[in-house]
Amino acid sequence: MSPAAARGLKVAAVAAVLLATAFLVRSLVRPAPADAPVPVPWDQAPCEGCRMLVGEPAFAVQVHLEDGRVLFFDDPGEALLWLADPPSPVHAAWFHALHGDGWIARDAVGFVSAAPTPTPMGYGLGAVEAGTPGALTPAQALERARRVEREREAAP
């Protein structure tokens, strides 16, 4: 083998090792999923369901995926439908309280009617602490969101 060919093989081997190392480092440097709600970029973040901008705090939802991504939703009903069959593993989800500035974890949330205020996508649900008198469970709220969807599909 000529010296030029040997140098070419060495360069190719070094390039392959560098490329493999870059892919390995990139796969290890994924952001860890957050264990608390993150600030919402109001009127800038698109809703994962409808792609409208999330702008009404009382109805916002954030879903944190295992891969570190954070998805935002503009209506609790829309988020419940997505969470019922998520295409990616979910780490955590928080629903903005209907009243006040707080967030309620997925495992501690209940839902009440948001009336008379319409919700962004018309599911009519607002998040409250689980156990609030008259609150629906997440399963009951999901069924309500599915009913709204069926009614939309049946409408002429």
Protein backbone atom coordinates (compact mmCIF):
# COMPACT_ATOMS: atom_id res chain seq x y z
CA MET A 1 0.00 0.00 0.00
CA SER A 2 1.31 3.41 -0.89
CA PRO A 3 2.00 5.97 1.83
CA ALA A 4 -0.75 8.21 0.43
CA ALA A 5 -3.31 5.38 0.61
CA ALA A 6 -2.26 4.56 4.19
CA ARG A 7 -2.68 8.22 5.19
CA GLY A 8 -6.11 8.24 3.56
CA LEU A 9 -7.18 5.18 5.56
CA LYS A 10 -5.93 6.76 8.79
CA VAL A 11 -7.82 9.98 8.07
CA ALA A 12 -11.00 8.01 7.32
CA ALA A 13 -10.62 5.97 10.53
CA VAL A 14 -10.09 9.10 12.63
CA ALA A 15 -13.09 10.77 10.99
CA ALA A 16 -15.28 7.72 11.72
CA VAL A 17 -14.19 7.68 15.39
CA LEU A 18 -14.87 11.43 15.74
CA LEU A 19 -18.30 11.09 14.14
CA ALA A 20 -19.24 8.17 16.39
CA THR A 21 -18.03 10.11 19.44
CA ALA A 22 -20.10 13.14 18.44
CA PHE A 23 -23.27 11.02 18.14
CA LEU A 24 -22.59 9.38 21.51
CA VAL A 25 -22.04 12.72 23.26
CA ARG A 26 -25.18 14.18 21.67
CA SER A 27 -27.29 11.24 22.87
CA LEU A 28 -25.95 11.60 26.42
CA VAL A 29 -26.47 15.37 26.65
CA ARG A 30 -30.25 15.42 26.40
CA PRO A 31 -31.96 17.74 28.85
CA ALA A 32 -33.37 15.95 31.85
CA PRO A 33 -37.13 16.27 32.26
CA ALA A 34 -38.10 18.95 34.75
CA ASP A 35 -39.68 17.95 38.05
CA ALA A 36 -41.66 21.18 38.32
CA PRO A 37 -43.60 23.40 35.95
CA VAL A 38 -41.52 25.67 33.75
CA PRO A 39 -42.34 29.26 32.76
CA VAL A 40 -44.73 29.38 29.81
CA PRO A 41 -43.82 31.68 26.94
CA TRP A 42 -47.33 33.15 26.79
CA ASP A 43 -48.60 34.04 23.33
CA GLN A 44 -45.48 32.46 21.80
CA ALA A 45 -45.72 28.71 22.49
CA PRO A 46 -47.98 26.76 20.13
CA CYS A 47 -50.51 24.34 21.55
CA GLU A 48 -49.49 20.78 20.77
CA GLY A 49 -53.07 19.90 19.85
CA CYS A 50 -54.38 22.78 17.75
CA ARG A 51 -51.20 24.83 17.10
CA MET A 52 -52.86 28.03 18.37
CA LEU A 53 -50.68 30.12 20.68
CA VAL A 54 -51.11 29.40 24.39
CA GLY A 55 -52.23 32.65 25.96
CA GLU A 56 -54.83 32.05 28.66
CA PRO A 57 -53.14 30.94 31.89
CA ALA A 58 -56.36 29.67 33.49
CA PHE A 59 -56.57 26.87 30.91
CA ALA A 60 -52.91 26.12 30.15
CA VAL A 61 -51.35 22.68 30.52
CA GLN A 62 -47.74 21.63 30.23
CA VAL A 63 -46.60 18.09 29.57
CA HIS A 64 -42.98 17.13 30.18
CA LEU A 65 -41.72 14.20 28.14
CA GLU A 66 -39.07 11.72 29.20
CA ASP A 67 -36.75 13.07 26.49
CA GLY A 68 -36.80 16.54 28.12
CA ARG A 69 -39.19 18.25 25.71
CA VAL A 70 -42.04 20.33 27.14
CA LEU A 71 -45.34 20.47 25.28
CA PHE A 72 -47.95 23.13 25.95
CA PHE A 73 -51.72 22.95 25.52
CA ASP A 74 -54.25 25.77 25.56
CA ASP A 75 -57.21 23.75 26.91
CA PRO A 76 -57.34 21.02 29.58
CA GLY A 77 -59.70 18.91 27.44
CA GLU A 78 -57.25 18.91 24.58
CA ALA A 79 -54.43 17.88 26.91
CA LEU A 80 -56.51 15.08 28.45
CA LEU A 81 -57.23 13.66 24.99
CA TRP A 82 -53.52 13.78 24.11
CA LEU A 83 -52.49 12.24 27.45
CA ALA A 84 -54.94 9.36 26.95
CA ASP A 85 -52.73 8.06 24.13
CA PRO A 86 -49.42 9.92 24.13
CA PRO A 87 -47.07 9.22 21.21
CA SER A 88 -44.05 9.79 23.48
CA PRO A 89 -43.35 8.71 27.08
CA VAL A 90 -44.60 11.29 29.57
CA HIS A 91 -42.54 12.27 32.61
CA ALA A 92 -45.06 14.62 34.23
CA ALA A 93 -47.92 16.99 33.48
CA TRP A 94 -49.23 20.09 35.21
CA PHE A 95 -52.56 21.83 34.76
CA HIS A 96 -52.82 25.54 35.51
CA ALA A 97 -55.34 26.24 38.26
CA LEU A 98 -58.58 27.71 36.98
CA HIS A 99 -58.41 30.29 39.77
CA GLY A 100 -55.07 31.72 40.87
CA ASP A 101 -51.54 31.44 39.59
CA GLY A 102 -50.60 27.91 40.61
CA TRP A 103 -50.06 24.65 38.79
CA ILE A 104 -51.60 21.32 39.80
CA ALA A 105 -49.78 18.05 39.17
CA ARG A 106 -51.51 15.45 37.03
CA ASP A 107 -51.88 13.09 40.00
CA ALA A 108 -53.56 15.78 42.14
CA VAL A 109 -55.93 17.42 39.66
CA GLY A 110 -59.70 17.47 39.36
CA PHE A 111 -61.88 19.41 36.94
CA VAL A 112 -64.90 21.68 37.19
CA SER A 113 -66.98 23.53 34.65
CA ALA A 114 -65.26 26.71 33.55
CA ALA A 115 -68.64 28.32 32.76
CA PRO A 116 -69.46 31.05 32.15
CA THR A 117 -65.95 31.54 30.70
CA PRO A 118 -65.44 29.68 27.42
CA THR A 119 -62.25 27.64 27.20
CA PRO A 120 -59.97 28.10 24.18
CA MET A 121 -61.07 24.89 22.44
CA GLY A 122 -64.54 24.63 23.93
CA TYR A 123 -64.13 21.65 26.26
CA GLY A 124 -65.41 23.74 29.15
CA LEU A 125 -63.10 22.36 31.84
CA GLY A 126 -60.98 24.12 34.43
CA ALA A 127 -58.40 22.50 36.72
CA VAL A 128 -58.86 22.43 40.50
CA GLU A 129 -57.37 20.36 43.29
CA ALA A 130 -58.65 16.79 43.35
CA GLY A 131 -61.32 16.39 45.98
CA THR A 132 -62.81 19.83 45.40
CA PRO A 133 -66.57 19.47 45.94
CA GLY A 134 -68.27 18.73 42.63
CA ALA A 135 -65.00 18.17 40.77
CA LEU A 136 -64.73 15.53 38.08
CA THR A 137 -61.93 13.00 38.23
CA PRO A 138 -59.46 13.02 35.33
CA ALA A 139 -61.22 9.93 33.91
CA GLN A 140 -64.60 11.68 34.05
CA ALA A 141 -63.13 14.83 32.49
CA LEU A 142 -61.56 12.74 29.73
CA GLU A 143 -64.95 11.17 28.99
CA ARG A 144 -66.47 14.67 28.82
CA ALA A 145 -63.75 15.75 26.35
CA ARG A 146 -64.40 12.63 24.26
CA ARG A 147 -68.13 13.43 24.27
CA VAL A 148 -67.39 16.95 23.01
CA GLU A 149 -65.28 15.42 20.24
CA ARG A 150 -68.06 12.98 19.26
CA GLU A 151 -70.57 15.85 19.15
CA ARG A 152 -68.23 17.86 16.92
CA GLU A 153 -67.79 14.91 14.57
CA ALA A 154 -71.57 14.37 14.38
CA ALA A 155 -72.34 18.04 13.71
CA PRO A 156 -73.16 18.84 10.09
